[in-house]
């Protein structure tokens, strides 16, 4: 292996470091040696335990680390919502639990649509068609829309009555003056 000296200049001091060039063949030999050392250490562990049971020699089973992908904040912020949701679901939700929640959600939707149908069916004819045309998804939507329509109808009815009252008053005043 050849040695070279490299000199770098700092603001006031001069620093000298020694570097060593490594050829590809030398690098491969170092890697092979590291692999051989690791395999030898593994063989020693196996021979100590007498088998390949992953025991640590004291009857305690060694736990293999789980292969999990950890996601940092930066990566999570750049992910799409669907991808992030799928990763979180895979990690924290069991398949059976998800299925149970889906069935429960379906039952809630069916019950909700039945309640909406019953509610809208009991509305007065003058607003029934209008509420049905909006196809409300929740009871809250149906109630709010029906209330809004009824308020408009009542205010329109009150205005008409006020006009008729004024007309009647004007007519009665004209009849009295004649």
N, C-alpha and C. Protein backbone atom coordinates (compact mmCIF):
# COMPACT_ATOMS: atom_id res chain seq x y z
N UNK A 1 0.84 -1.17 0.00
CA UNK A 1 0.00 0.00 0.00
C UNK A 1 0.88 1.23 0.00
N UNK A 2 0.57 2.12 -0.86
CA UNK A 2 1.38 3.33 -1.00
C UNK A 2 0.85 4.40 -0.06
N UNK A 3 1.78 5.14 0.55
CA UNK A 3 1.40 6.24 1.44
C UNK A 3 1.68 7.55 0.76
N UNK A 4 0.80 8.50 0.96
CA UNK A 4 0.99 9.84 0.42
C UNK A 4 0.75 10.82 1.54
N UNK A 5 1.41 11.95 1.47
CA UNK A 5 1.19 13.00 2.45
C UNK A 5 0.44 14.12 1.76
N UNK A 6 -0.59 14.59 2.41
CA UNK A 6 -1.36 15.68 1.85
C UNK A 6 -1.29 16.84 2.84
N UNK A 7 -1.05 18.01 2.37
CA UNK A 7 -0.95 19.18 3.23
C UNK A 7 -2.09 20.12 2.90
N UNK A 8 -2.77 20.54 3.94
CA UNK A 8 -3.85 21.51 3.74
C UNK A 8 -3.52 22.73 4.57
N UNK A 9 -3.91 23.87 4.08
CA UNK A 9 -3.61 25.10 4.80
C UNK A 9 -4.86 25.62 5.47
N UNK A 10 -4.76 25.84 6.76
CA UNK A 10 -5.83 26.48 7.51
C UNK A 10 -5.50 27.96 7.56
N UNK A 11 -6.26 28.73 8.27
CA UNK A 11 -6.04 30.17 8.29
C UNK A 11 -4.66 30.54 8.83
N UNK A 12 -4.23 29.93 9.95
CA UNK A 12 -2.92 30.26 10.49
C UNK A 12 -2.01 29.05 10.60
N UNK A 13 -2.59 27.86 10.79
CA UNK A 13 -1.76 26.68 11.02
C UNK A 13 -1.78 25.78 9.80
N UNK A 14 -0.76 24.97 9.66
CA UNK A 14 -0.68 24.01 8.57
C UNK A 14 -0.90 22.63 9.18
N UNK A 15 -1.81 21.85 8.59
CA UNK A 15 -2.12 20.52 9.08
C UNK A 15 -1.67 19.51 8.04
N UNK A 16 -1.00 18.44 8.51
CA UNK A 16 -0.54 17.40 7.59
C UNK A 16 -1.20 16.10 8.00
N UNK A 17 -1.87 15.43 7.03
CA UNK A 17 -2.48 14.13 7.30
C UNK A 17 -1.89 13.12 6.33
N UNK A 18 -1.81 11.88 6.79
CA UNK A 18 -1.26 10.82 5.95
C UNK A 18 -2.42 9.96 5.46
N UNK A 19 -2.53 9.74 4.17
CA UNK A 19 -3.57 8.88 3.59
C UNK A 19 -2.93 7.67 2.95
N UNK A 20 -3.69 6.60 2.91
CA UNK A 20 -3.18 5.37 2.31
C UNK A 20 -4.10 4.98 1.17
N UNK A 21 -3.54 4.71 0.01
CA UNK A 21 -4.33 4.28 -1.14
C UNK A 21 -4.57 2.78 -1.02
N UNK A 22 -5.81 2.35 -1.34
CA UNK A 22 -6.18 0.95 -1.28
C UNK A 22 -6.69 0.55 -2.65
N UNK A 23 -6.18 -0.53 -3.16
CA UNK A 23 -6.65 -1.01 -4.46
C UNK A 23 -7.93 -1.82 -4.25
N UNK A 24 -8.63 -2.08 -5.32
CA UNK A 24 -9.87 -2.86 -5.25
C UNK A 24 -9.61 -4.25 -4.70
N UNK A 25 -8.51 -4.86 -5.10
CA UNK A 25 -8.18 -6.21 -4.63
C UNK A 25 -7.93 -6.21 -3.13
N UNK A 26 -7.22 -5.18 -2.62
CA UNK A 26 -6.95 -5.09 -1.19
C UNK A 26 -8.26 -4.86 -0.41
N UNK A 27 -9.15 -4.03 -0.96
CA UNK A 27 -10.43 -3.76 -0.33
C UNK A 27 -11.27 -5.03 -0.25
N UNK A 28 -11.30 -5.80 -1.34
CA UNK A 28 -12.04 -7.06 -1.36
C UNK A 28 -11.47 -8.03 -0.33
N UNK A 29 -10.15 -8.07 -0.21
CA UNK A 29 -9.53 -8.96 0.77
C UNK A 29 -9.92 -8.58 2.20
N UNK A 30 -9.98 -7.27 2.50
CA UNK A 30 -10.40 -6.80 3.82
C UNK A 30 -11.85 -7.18 4.10
N UNK A 31 -12.71 -7.04 3.11
CA UNK A 31 -14.13 -7.41 3.28
C UNK A 31 -14.26 -8.90 3.52
N UNK A 32 -13.55 -9.70 2.72
CA UNK A 32 -13.60 -11.15 2.88
C UNK A 32 -13.13 -11.57 4.27
N UNK A 33 -12.09 -10.89 4.77
CA UNK A 33 -11.58 -11.19 6.11
C UNK A 33 -12.62 -10.87 7.17
N UNK A 34 -13.33 -9.74 7.02
CA UNK A 34 -14.38 -9.37 7.97
C UNK A 34 -15.51 -10.38 7.98
N UNK A 35 -15.89 -10.86 6.80
CA UNK A 35 -16.94 -11.87 6.69
C UNK A 35 -16.50 -13.17 7.36
N UNK A 36 -15.26 -13.56 7.11
CA UNK A 36 -14.75 -14.80 7.70
C UNK A 36 -14.73 -14.70 9.22
N UNK A 37 -14.34 -13.54 9.76
CA UNK A 37 -14.32 -13.34 11.22
C UNK A 37 -15.74 -13.43 11.79
N UNK A 38 -16.71 -12.85 11.09
CA UNK A 38 -18.09 -12.88 11.57
C UNK A 38 -18.64 -14.30 11.56
N UNK A 39 -18.33 -15.06 10.51
CA UNK A 39 -18.78 -16.45 10.44
C UNK A 39 -18.13 -17.30 11.53
N UNK A 40 -16.88 -17.04 11.81
CA UNK A 40 -16.18 -17.79 12.86
C UNK A 40 -16.81 -17.50 14.22
N UNK A 41 -17.16 -16.25 14.47
CA UNK A 41 -17.80 -15.89 15.73
C UNK A 41 -19.16 -16.56 15.85
N UNK A 42 -19.87 -16.65 14.75
CA UNK A 42 -21.17 -17.31 14.74
C UNK A 42 -21.03 -18.81 15.04
N UNK A 43 -20.00 -19.43 14.46
CA UNK A 43 -19.75 -20.85 14.70
C UNK A 43 -19.41 -21.10 16.17
N UNK A 44 -18.66 -20.18 16.79
CA UNK A 44 -18.33 -20.32 18.21
C UNK A 44 -19.61 -20.25 19.04
N UNK A 45 -20.52 -19.33 18.71
CA UNK A 45 -21.79 -19.22 19.43
C UNK A 45 -22.58 -20.51 19.31
N UNK A 46 -22.64 -21.09 18.12
CA UNK A 46 -23.39 -22.32 17.90
C UNK A 46 -22.81 -23.48 18.69
N UNK A 47 -21.47 -23.54 18.71
CA UNK A 47 -20.84 -24.65 19.42
C UNK A 47 -21.01 -24.51 20.94
N UNK A 48 -21.10 -23.26 21.44
CA UNK A 48 -21.34 -23.04 22.86
C UNK A 48 -22.72 -23.53 23.27
N UNK A 49 -23.70 -23.32 22.41
CA UNK A 49 -25.07 -23.71 22.72
C UNK A 49 -25.33 -25.17 22.37
N UNK A 50 -24.54 -25.73 21.54
CA UNK A 50 -24.72 -27.11 21.16
C UNK A 50 -25.75 -27.30 20.05
N UNK A 51 -26.44 -26.27 19.69
CA UNK A 51 -27.40 -26.37 18.59
C UNK A 51 -27.61 -24.98 18.01
N UNK A 52 -28.59 -24.87 17.15
CA UNK A 52 -28.87 -23.58 16.52
C UNK A 52 -30.19 -23.02 17.06
N UNK A 53 -30.32 -23.03 18.38
CA UNK A 53 -31.60 -22.66 18.98
C UNK A 53 -31.68 -21.18 19.33
N UNK A 54 -30.70 -20.41 19.01
CA UNK A 54 -30.66 -18.97 19.30
C UNK A 54 -30.65 -18.68 20.79
N UNK A 55 -30.22 -19.63 21.60
CA UNK A 55 -30.09 -19.38 23.03
C UNK A 55 -28.77 -18.66 23.28
N UNK A 56 -28.74 -17.88 24.32
CA UNK A 56 -27.53 -17.14 24.65
C UNK A 56 -26.64 -17.92 25.61
N UNK A 57 -26.86 -19.20 25.79
CA UNK A 57 -26.03 -20.01 26.69
C UNK A 57 -26.56 -20.04 28.10
N UNK A 58 -27.61 -19.26 28.39
CA UNK A 58 -28.17 -19.22 29.74
C UNK A 58 -29.62 -19.64 29.71
N UNK A 59 -30.07 -20.25 28.64
CA UNK A 59 -31.46 -20.67 28.53
C UNK A 59 -32.39 -19.54 28.11
N UNK A 60 -31.85 -18.37 27.86
CA UNK A 60 -32.66 -17.24 27.45
C UNK A 60 -32.63 -17.16 25.93
N UNK A 61 -33.81 -17.10 25.33
CA UNK A 61 -33.88 -17.07 23.87
C UNK A 61 -33.57 -15.66 23.37
N UNK A 62 -32.69 -15.59 22.40
CA UNK A 62 -32.33 -14.31 21.79
C UNK A 62 -33.42 -13.90 20.82
N UNK A 63 -33.86 -12.67 20.92
CA UNK A 63 -34.92 -12.18 20.03
C UNK A 63 -34.30 -11.55 18.80
N UNK A 64 -34.79 -11.99 17.64
CA UNK A 64 -34.33 -11.38 16.39
C UNK A 64 -35.05 -10.06 16.21
N UNK A 65 -34.34 -9.05 15.78
CA UNK A 65 -34.99 -7.76 15.58
C UNK A 65 -36.02 -7.84 14.45
N UNK A 66 -37.15 -7.18 14.65
CA UNK A 66 -38.18 -7.17 13.63
C UNK A 66 -37.80 -6.21 12.51
N UNK A 67 -38.11 -6.60 11.30
CA UNK A 67 -37.80 -5.75 10.15
C UNK A 67 -38.93 -4.74 10.00
N UNK A 68 -38.71 -3.53 10.46
CA UNK A 68 -39.69 -2.46 10.35
C UNK A 68 -39.04 -1.27 9.72
N UNK A 69 -39.82 -0.61 8.93
CA UNK A 69 -39.32 0.61 8.30
C UNK A 69 -39.77 1.78 9.15
N UNK A 70 -38.81 2.53 9.70
CA UNK A 70 -39.18 3.70 10.47
C UNK A 70 -39.20 4.90 9.54
N UNK A 71 -40.14 5.76 9.78
CA UNK A 71 -40.34 6.92 8.91
C UNK A 71 -40.17 8.17 9.78
N UNK A 72 -39.29 9.05 9.37
CA UNK A 72 -39.09 10.29 10.10
C UNK A 72 -40.10 11.34 9.69
N UNK A 73 -40.05 12.50 10.35
CA UNK A 73 -40.99 13.58 10.05
C UNK A 73 -40.85 14.06 8.61
N UNK A 74 -39.60 14.21 8.16
CA UNK A 74 -39.39 14.73 6.81
C UNK A 74 -40.01 13.81 5.77
N UNK A 75 -39.80 12.52 5.94
CA UNK A 75 -40.34 11.55 4.98
C UNK A 75 -41.86 11.52 5.07
N UNK A 76 -42.39 11.56 6.29
CA UNK A 76 -43.85 11.51 6.48
C UNK A 76 -44.52 12.72 5.85
N UNK A 77 -43.90 13.89 5.94
CA UNK A 77 -44.50 15.09 5.36
C UNK A 77 -44.50 15.05 3.84
N UNK A 78 -43.58 14.31 3.22
CA UNK A 78 -43.54 14.26 1.76
C UNK A 78 -44.40 13.13 1.20
N UNK A 79 -44.90 12.22 2.06
CA UNK A 79 -45.74 11.10 1.61
C UNK A 79 -47.14 11.59 1.27
N UNK A 80 -47.81 10.83 0.41
CA UNK A 80 -49.21 11.11 0.17
C UNK A 80 -50.01 10.61 1.36
N UNK A 81 -51.21 11.15 1.53
CA UNK A 81 -52.03 10.77 2.68
C UNK A 81 -52.37 9.28 2.62
N UNK A 82 -52.69 8.79 1.43
CA UNK A 82 -53.08 7.38 1.29
C UNK A 82 -51.93 6.46 1.68
N UNK A 83 -50.71 6.79 1.24
CA UNK A 83 -49.53 5.98 1.56
C UNK A 83 -49.27 5.97 3.07
N UNK A 84 -49.32 7.16 3.68
CA UNK A 84 -49.09 7.26 5.12
C UNK A 84 -50.18 6.51 5.90
N UNK A 85 -51.42 6.65 5.47
CA UNK A 85 -52.53 5.97 6.13
C UNK A 85 -52.36 4.45 6.04
N UNK A 86 -51.94 3.97 4.87
CA UNK A 86 -51.73 2.53 4.70
C UNK A 86 -50.60 2.02 5.60
N UNK A 87 -49.50 2.79 5.71
CA UNK A 87 -48.39 2.38 6.58
C UNK A 87 -48.84 2.32 8.04
N UNK A 88 -49.59 3.32 8.48
CA UNK A 88 -50.06 3.35 9.86
C UNK A 88 -51.06 2.22 10.12
N UNK A 89 -51.93 1.95 9.15
CA UNK A 89 -52.90 0.87 9.30
C UNK A 89 -52.18 -0.47 9.40
N UNK A 90 -51.18 -0.69 8.54
CA UNK A 90 -50.43 -1.94 8.58
C UNK A 90 -49.74 -2.14 9.92
N UNK A 91 -49.24 -1.06 10.51
CA UNK A 91 -48.48 -1.18 11.74
C UNK A 91 -49.38 -1.30 12.97
N UNK A 92 -50.46 -0.53 13.03
CA UNK A 92 -51.22 -0.43 14.27
C UNK A 92 -52.58 -1.15 14.26
N UNK A 93 -53.08 -1.56 13.10
CA UNK A 93 -54.40 -2.17 13.06
C UNK A 93 -54.32 -3.62 12.61
N UNK A 94 -55.00 -4.49 13.34
CA UNK A 94 -55.08 -5.88 12.95
C UNK A 94 -56.16 -6.04 11.88
N UNK A 95 -55.97 -6.99 10.99
CA UNK A 95 -56.92 -7.19 9.89
C UNK A 95 -58.32 -7.50 10.41
N UNK A 96 -58.44 -8.35 11.42
CA UNK A 96 -59.75 -8.68 11.98
C UNK A 96 -60.43 -7.47 12.59
N UNK A 97 -59.63 -6.63 13.25
CA UNK A 97 -60.17 -5.42 13.88
C UNK A 97 -60.68 -4.45 12.81
N UNK A 98 -59.94 -4.33 11.72
CA UNK A 98 -60.36 -3.44 10.63
C UNK A 98 -61.68 -3.92 10.05
N UNK A 99 -61.79 -5.23 9.83
CA UNK A 99 -63.02 -5.80 9.26
C UNK A 99 -64.20 -5.53 10.19
N UNK A 100 -63.98 -5.69 11.50
CA UNK A 100 -65.04 -5.45 12.47
C UNK A 100 -65.48 -3.97 12.43
N UNK A 101 -64.52 -3.07 12.33
CA UNK A 101 -64.85 -1.64 12.25
C UNK A 101 -65.60 -1.31 10.96
N UNK A 102 -65.21 -1.96 9.85
CA UNK A 102 -65.90 -1.72 8.59
C UNK A 102 -67.36 -2.17 8.67
N UNK A 103 -67.59 -3.32 9.29
CA UNK A 103 -68.96 -3.83 9.43
C UNK A 103 -69.77 -2.87 10.32
N UNK A 104 -69.16 -2.42 11.40
CA UNK A 104 -69.84 -1.49 12.30
C UNK A 104 -70.18 -0.19 11.58
N UNK A 105 -69.24 0.30 10.77
CA UNK A 105 -69.47 1.54 10.01
C UNK A 105 -70.62 1.34 9.01
N UNK A 106 -70.63 0.20 8.35
CA UNK A 106 -71.68 -0.10 7.38
C UNK A 106 -73.04 -0.11 8.08
N UNK A 107 -73.12 -0.76 9.24
CA UNK A 107 -74.37 -0.80 9.98
C UNK A 107 -74.82 0.58 10.41
N UNK A 108 -73.88 1.43 10.82
CA UNK A 108 -74.23 2.80 11.19
C UNK A 108 -74.78 3.57 10.00
N UNK A 109 -74.16 3.39 8.82
CA UNK A 109 -74.64 4.08 7.63
C UNK A 109 -76.04 3.63 7.26
N UNK A 110 -76.29 2.32 7.35
CA UNK A 110 -77.61 1.79 7.01
C UNK A 110 -78.66 2.34 7.99
N UNK A 111 -78.34 2.33 9.28
CA UNK A 111 -79.26 2.86 10.27
C UNK A 111 -79.51 4.35 10.04
N UNK A 112 -78.44 5.08 9.71
CA UNK A 112 -78.56 6.52 9.47
C UNK A 112 -79.46 6.80 8.27
N UNK A 113 -79.28 6.05 7.18
CA UNK A 113 -80.11 6.28 6.00
C UNK A 113 -81.57 5.94 6.29
N UNK A 114 -81.80 4.92 7.10
CA UNK A 114 -83.17 4.56 7.49
C UNK A 114 -83.80 5.70 8.30
N UNK A 115 -83.05 6.26 9.24
CA UNK A 115 -83.56 7.36 10.06
C UNK A 115 -83.86 8.59 9.19
N UNK A 116 -82.97 8.88 8.24
CA UNK A 116 -83.19 10.03 7.35
C UNK A 116 -84.47 9.83 6.55
N UNK A 117 -84.64 8.62 6.03
CA UNK A 117 -85.82 8.30 5.23
C UNK A 117 -87.09 8.51 6.05
N UNK A 118 -87.10 8.03 7.29
CA UNK A 118 -88.25 8.18 8.17
C UNK A 118 -88.51 9.67 8.48
N UNK A 119 -87.46 10.41 8.76
CA UNK A 119 -87.59 11.83 9.10
C UNK A 119 -88.17 12.61 7.93
N UNK A 120 -87.58 12.41 6.75
CA UNK A 120 -88.03 13.15 5.57
C UNK A 120 -89.45 12.74 5.19
N UNK A 121 -89.80 11.47 5.42
CA UNK A 121 -91.15 11.01 5.12
C UNK A 121 -92.20 11.69 5.99
N UNK A 122 -91.84 12.15 7.16
CA UNK A 122 -92.78 12.80 8.07
C UNK A 122 -92.88 14.31 7.89
N UNK A 123 -92.11 14.87 6.96
CA UNK A 123 -92.15 16.32 6.73
C UNK A 123 -93.41 16.71 5.97
N UNK A 124 -93.85 17.97 6.10
CA UNK A 124 -95.02 18.43 5.34
C UNK A 124 -94.76 18.33 3.83
N UNK A 125 -95.84 18.13 3.08
CA UNK A 125 -95.71 17.96 1.63
C UNK A 125 -95.03 19.14 0.94
N UNK A 126 -95.24 20.34 1.47
CA UNK A 126 -94.68 21.53 0.81
C UNK A 126 -93.15 21.56 0.81
N UNK A 127 -92.48 20.86 1.74
CA UNK A 127 -91.01 20.84 1.73
C UNK A 127 -90.45 19.45 1.52
N UNK A 128 -91.29 18.42 1.58
CA UNK A 128 -90.83 17.03 1.46
C UNK A 128 -90.02 16.82 0.18
N UNK A 129 -90.56 17.26 -0.96
CA UNK A 129 -89.89 17.06 -2.25
C UNK A 129 -88.55 17.76 -2.32
N UNK A 130 -88.50 18.97 -1.77
CA UNK A 130 -87.25 19.73 -1.81
C UNK A 130 -86.16 19.07 -0.98
N UNK A 131 -86.52 18.56 0.19
CA UNK A 131 -85.53 17.90 1.05
C UNK A 131 -85.07 16.60 0.40
N UNK A 132 -85.99 15.84 -0.19
CA UNK A 132 -85.61 14.60 -0.87
C UNK A 132 -84.68 14.88 -2.04
N UNK A 133 -84.88 15.99 -2.74
CA UNK A 133 -84.05 16.32 -3.91
C UNK A 133 -82.61 16.60 -3.52
N UNK A 134 -82.36 17.05 -2.28
CA UNK A 134 -80.98 17.35 -1.86
C UNK A 134 -80.21 16.09 -1.52
N UNK A 135 -80.92 14.96 -1.31
CA UNK A 135 -80.30 13.68 -0.94
C UNK A 135 -79.34 13.85 0.25
N UNK A 136 -79.87 14.19 1.41
CA UNK A 136 -79.00 14.41 2.58
C UNK A 136 -78.28 13.12 2.98
N UNK A 137 -77.01 13.27 3.35
CA UNK A 137 -76.18 12.11 3.73
C UNK A 137 -76.27 11.82 5.23
N UNK A 138 -76.55 12.85 6.03
CA UNK A 138 -76.64 12.67 7.48
C UNK A 138 -77.95 13.27 7.98
N UNK A 139 -78.34 12.87 9.18
CA UNK A 139 -79.54 13.43 9.80
C UNK A 139 -79.38 14.93 10.01
N UNK A 140 -78.16 15.33 10.37
CA UNK A 140 -77.89 16.75 10.59
C UNK A 140 -78.18 17.56 9.33
N UNK A 141 -77.73 17.04 8.16
CA UNK A 141 -77.99 17.74 6.89
C UNK A 141 -79.49 17.84 6.63
N UNK A 142 -80.21 16.75 6.84
CA UNK A 142 -81.65 16.73 6.58
C UNK A 142 -82.37 17.71 7.49
N UNK A 143 -82.00 17.72 8.76
CA UNK A 143 -82.66 18.62 9.73
C UNK A 143 -82.37 20.07 9.39
N UNK A 144 -81.11 20.37 9.09
CA UNK A 144 -80.75 21.76 8.77
C UNK A 144 -81.48 22.25 7.53
N UNK A 145 -81.53 21.43 6.48
CA UNK A 145 -82.18 21.86 5.25
C UNK A 145 -83.69 22.01 5.46
N UNK A 146 -84.29 21.06 6.16
CA UNK A 146 -85.73 21.14 6.43
C UNK A 146 -86.05 22.37 7.27
N UNK A 147 -85.25 22.65 8.27
CA UNK A 147 -85.47 23.82 9.12
C UNK A 147 -85.35 25.11 8.31
N UNK A 148 -84.37 25.16 7.45
CA UNK A 148 -84.18 26.33 6.60
C UNK A 148 -85.40 26.54 5.69
N UNK A 149 -85.90 25.46 5.08
CA UNK A 149 -87.07 25.58 4.20
C UNK A 149 -88.31 26.01 4.97
N UNK A 150 -88.50 25.43 6.15
CA UNK A 150 -89.67 25.80 6.96
C UNK A 150 -89.59 27.26 7.37
N UNK A 151 -88.41 27.72 7.76
CA UNK A 151 -88.24 29.14 8.13
C UNK A 151 -88.58 30.05 6.95
N UNK A 152 -88.15 29.67 5.75
CA UNK A 152 -88.47 30.48 4.56
C UNK A 152 -89.97 30.50 4.30
N UNK A 153 -90.60 29.33 4.43
CA UNK A 153 -92.05 29.25 4.20
C UNK A 153 -92.80 30.09 5.22
N UNK A 154 -92.38 30.02 6.48
CA UNK A 154 -93.06 30.79 7.53
C UNK A 154 -92.87 32.29 7.30
N UNK A 155 -91.65 32.70 6.94
CA UNK A 155 -91.42 34.14 6.71
C UNK A 155 -92.21 34.62 5.49
N UNK A 156 -92.29 33.81 4.45
CA UNK A 156 -93.07 34.18 3.26
C UNK A 156 -94.55 34.27 3.63
N UNK A 157 -95.04 33.31 4.41
CA UNK A 157 -96.43 33.31 4.84
C UNK A 157 -96.73 34.55 5.69
N UNK A 158 -95.80 34.91 6.58
CA UNK A 158 -95.99 36.08 7.45
C UNK A 158 -96.03 37.36 6.61
N UNK A 159 -95.16 37.44 5.60
CA UNK A 159 -95.16 38.61 4.73
C UNK A 159 -96.49 38.73 3.98
N UNK A 160 -96.98 37.62 3.47
CA UNK A 160 -98.26 37.63 2.75
C UNK A 160 -99.39 38.06 3.67
N UNK A 161 -99.38 37.56 4.89
CA UNK A 161 -100.44 37.94 5.84
C UNK A 161 -100.36 39.42 6.16
N UNK A 162 -99.12 39.93 6.30
CA UNK A 162 -98.97 41.36 6.60
C UNK A 162 -99.49 42.20 5.44
N UNK A 163 -99.21 41.80 4.20
CA UNK A 163 -99.72 42.54 3.04
C UNK A 163 -101.24 42.49 2.99
N UNK A 164 -101.80 41.31 3.22
CA UNK A 164 -103.26 41.18 3.19
C UNK A 164 -103.91 42.01 4.30
N UNK A 165 -103.26 42.06 5.45
CA UNK A 165 -103.79 42.85 6.56
C UNK A 165 -103.80 44.32 6.18
N UNK A 166 -102.68 44.78 5.55
CA UNK A 166 -102.62 46.19 5.12
C UNK A 166 -103.68 46.48 4.07
N UNK A 167 -103.85 45.55 3.12
CA UNK A 167 -104.87 45.74 2.08
C UNK A 167 -106.25 45.81 2.72
N UNK A 168 -106.51 44.91 3.66
CA UNK A 168 -107.81 44.89 4.32
C UNK A 168 -108.04 46.18 5.09
N UNK A 169 -106.98 46.65 5.76
CA UNK A 169 -107.08 47.88 6.54
C UNK A 169 -107.35 49.06 5.62
N UNK A 170 -106.60 49.10 4.50
CA UNK A 170 -106.81 50.19 3.54
C UNK A 170 -108.22 50.13 2.96
N UNK A 171 -108.69 48.95 2.66
CA UNK A 171 -110.02 48.79 2.10
C UNK A 171 -111.09 49.22 3.11
N UNK A 172 -110.92 48.82 4.35
CA UNK A 172 -111.90 49.19 5.39
C UNK A 172 -111.87 50.69 5.65
N UNK A 173 -110.68 51.30 5.58
CA UNK A 173 -110.57 52.76 5.77
C UNK A 173 -111.28 53.47 4.63
N UNK A 174 -111.13 53.00 3.42
CA UNK A 174 -111.81 53.62 2.25
C UNK A 174 -113.32 53.49 2.38
N UNK A 175 -113.79 52.35 2.84
CA UNK A 175 -115.23 52.12 2.98
C UNK A 175 -115.80 53.02 4.08
N UNK A 176 -115.06 53.24 5.13
CA UNK A 176 -115.55 54.07 6.22
C UNK A 176 -115.60 55.54 5.79
N UNK A 177 -114.60 55.96 5.01
CA UNK A 177 -114.56 57.36 4.61
C UNK A 177 -115.64 57.67 3.59
N UNK A 178 -116.08 56.68 2.84
CA UNK A 178 -117.13 56.94 1.86
C UNK A 178 -118.43 56.98 2.59
